[in-house]
Structure formats: C-alpha cells, structure tokens
Amino acid sequence: MPNAFDSLKANMFKDVTSVMGFEARWLSSVTGLVTIAAHGVTFKKPSLKEKQLLEYDDAFWEPTNRIMEYFESDFPGLFDLANRPDLGVQKIQVDNEYYVAGEARRMFDGDLVYVQLFPDEDV
C-alpha cells in the first residue's frame, strides 16, 4: 500500500506543473521513440539579466544552468541514459526549444529527477 506522502507529492507536482510547468518531449537515442511527459515538467532557464545579476553572487547553487525536473515515471530510462553519454545523445524539447540532456540526479525521495540541459546546436 503506498504511503500518504507519495500521493501528496504526486498531486503537488501535478498542481505545480499544471500552473507553471511545461510540456516536454524526449527523443531516446536507444529506442528512437518520442516520449511526452504525462505530468509536465518544471524548467528553469535564467534570462540574461538574471545571469548578470547573479554573476557576482556567492550563491552555492548554480543559478545559470538550465534544469528540468520530472517524475521518473514520465521518462522511464532517461535518468540512466543521461548519465551514460557513451550510449548516445538524449534530446529534450521544452517550450519549443531543443536541448541535450546532461547529468541527471535523483532527489531525496527517489521519484523526482533533475537533469541539466544544454542547448542543442544541431537543431
């Protein structure tokens, strides 16, 4: 039986992405299939002004990186493939822009994944 926290977490993520989230697509380098995130994703893409304001900040986190957060069940296999660049480039489309997946990290709960995105120069 799933615990109450898991259902609350899933509902909260769904609520946040329905208001502030983005549709995302993943093109797998292994299967060639396009997967669309069922819940949507959260996405941080800092503007030039935000980068300039934070240039002199001693922030511990890296505010200038593009980060996508998703439920692992939305993109099964992306976590493993993003951390194995020898298996091919994982392409992601968010907000009509194309990116290449970099390092992926699981959050403490194990269901949410953060993946760093880099602009796709081939598009």
Protein backbone atom coordinates (compact mmCIF):
# COMPACT_ATOMS: atom_id res chain seq x y z
CA MET A 1 0.00 0.00 0.00
CA PRO A 2 1.51 3.37 -0.97
CA ASN A 3 2.03 5.83 1.82
CA ALA A 4 0.17 9.13 2.06
CA PHE A 5 3.30 11.15 1.32
CA ASP A 6 3.70 9.62 -2.16
CA SER A 7 0.19 10.55 -3.26
CA LEU A 8 0.53 14.06 -1.79
CA LYS A 9 3.86 14.52 -3.56
CA ALA A 10 2.44 13.38 -6.91
CA ASN A 11 -0.61 15.63 -6.54
CA MET A 12 1.51 18.63 -5.56
CA PHE A 13 3.85 18.15 -8.53
CA LYS A 14 0.85 17.80 -10.85
CA ASP A 15 -0.67 21.00 -9.44
CA VAL A 16 2.57 22.96 -9.83
CA THR A 17 3.21 21.76 -13.38
CA SER A 18 -0.38 22.42 -14.44
CA VAL A 19 0.07 26.09 -13.41
CA MET A 20 3.76 26.77 -14.09
CA GLY A 21 5.01 23.70 -15.90
CA PHE A 22 5.99 22.97 -19.47
CA GLU A 23 5.26 20.20 -21.90
CA ALA A 24 8.39 18.20 -22.58
CA ARG A 25 9.37 15.57 -25.14
CA TRP A 26 12.28 13.16 -25.02
CA LEU A 27 13.80 11.52 -28.10
CA SER A 28 15.61 8.39 -26.91
CA SER A 29 18.92 7.64 -28.61
CA VAL A 30 18.39 3.93 -27.93
CA THR A 31 14.78 3.30 -28.98
CA GLY A 32 14.26 6.27 -31.30
CA LEU A 33 10.85 6.81 -29.67
CA VAL A 34 9.48 10.17 -28.59
CA THR A 35 8.01 10.22 -25.09
CA ILE A 36 5.84 13.07 -23.80
CA ALA A 37 5.84 13.73 -20.05
CA ALA A 38 2.39 12.90 -18.69
CA HIS A 39 2.64 15.28 -15.74
CA GLY A 40 4.62 18.02 -17.45
CA VAL A 41 7.96 19.23 -16.14
CA THR A 42 9.32 22.17 -14.23
CA PHE A 43 12.00 24.06 -16.09
CA LYS A 44 14.45 26.77 -15.09
CA LYS A 45 16.06 28.81 -17.86
CA PRO A 46 17.58 32.02 -16.46
CA SER A 47 17.42 35.16 -18.54
CA LEU A 48 20.48 37.21 -19.43
CA LYS A 49 19.51 39.79 -16.79
CA GLU A 50 19.26 37.08 -14.11
CA LYS A 51 22.68 35.74 -15.10
CA GLN A 52 24.21 39.22 -14.89
CA LEU A 53 22.62 39.94 -11.51
CA LEU A 54 23.94 36.66 -10.11
CA GLU A 55 27.39 36.94 -11.67
CA TYR A 56 28.85 38.45 -8.51
CA ASP A 57 26.74 36.50 -6.07
CA ASP A 58 28.44 33.89 -3.91
CA ALA A 59 25.48 31.54 -4.29
CA PHE A 60 26.14 27.87 -3.54
CA TRP A 61 23.73 26.70 -6.22
CA GLU A 62 24.32 27.32 -9.92
CA PRO A 63 21.57 29.71 -10.99
CA THR A 64 22.70 30.00 -14.61
CA ASN A 65 22.17 26.33 -15.50
CA ARG A 66 19.10 25.08 -17.32
CA ILE A 67 17.44 22.45 -15.17
CA MET A 68 14.43 20.24 -15.89
CA GLU A 69 12.66 18.41 -13.06
CA TYR A 70 10.41 15.46 -13.85
CA PHE A 71 8.80 12.38 -12.34
CA GLU A 72 10.90 9.39 -13.29
CA SER A 73 7.78 7.51 -14.37
CA ASP A 74 7.21 10.15 -17.08
CA PHE A 75 10.52 9.45 -18.79
CA PRO A 76 11.48 5.88 -17.82
CA GLY A 77 15.11 5.24 -18.70
CA LEU A 78 16.14 8.87 -19.22
CA PHE A 79 17.96 9.02 -15.88
CA ASP A 80 20.21 6.07 -16.79
CA LEU A 81 20.81 7.18 -20.39
CA ALA A 82 21.57 10.80 -19.45
CA ASN A 83 24.33 9.53 -17.18
CA ARG A 84 25.72 7.27 -19.94
CA PRO A 85 26.75 9.59 -22.81
CA ASP A 86 28.51 6.64 -24.45
CA LEU A 87 25.02 5.29 -25.32
CA GLY A 88 24.12 8.36 -27.36
CA VAL A 89 22.76 11.87 -27.04
CA GLN A 90 19.40 12.28 -25.31
CA LYS A 91 17.45 15.13 -26.92
CA ILE A 92 14.81 17.02 -24.97
CA GLN A 93 12.30 19.57 -26.25
CA VAL A 94 10.92 22.02 -23.68
CA ASP A 95 8.87 25.10 -24.54
CA ASN A 96 9.63 24.65 -28.27
CA GLU A 97 13.38 24.74 -27.71
CA TYR A 98 15.73 21.78 -28.13
CA TYR A 99 18.30 20.63 -25.59
CA VAL A 100 20.73 17.82 -24.92
CA ALA A 101 20.46 16.09 -21.56
CA GLY A 102 23.48 16.32 -19.29
CA GLU A 103 23.95 14.86 -15.83
CA ALA A 104 20.82 13.61 -14.09
CA ARG A 105 20.38 13.41 -10.31
CA ARG A 106 17.65 11.83 -8.22
CA MET A 107 16.12 13.91 -5.49
CA PHE A 108 15.97 12.55 -1.97
CA ASP A 109 12.55 10.97 -2.48
CA GLY A 110 13.77 8.86 -5.41
CA ASP A 111 10.84 9.74 -7.71
CA LEU A 112 11.86 13.20 -8.88
CA VAL A 113 14.85 13.68 -11.16
CA TYR A 114 16.77 16.85 -12.03
CA VAL A 115 18.59 16.83 -15.35
CA GLN A 116 20.84 19.59 -16.60
CA LEU A 117 20.05 20.71 -20.16
CA PHE A 118 22.38 22.22 -22.75
CA PRO A 119 21.27 23.96 -25.96
CA ASP A 120 21.20 21.55 -28.89
CA GLU A 121 23.47 23.03 -31.54
CA ASP A 122 22.30 20.55 -34.20
CA VAL A 123 18.75 21.93 -34.45
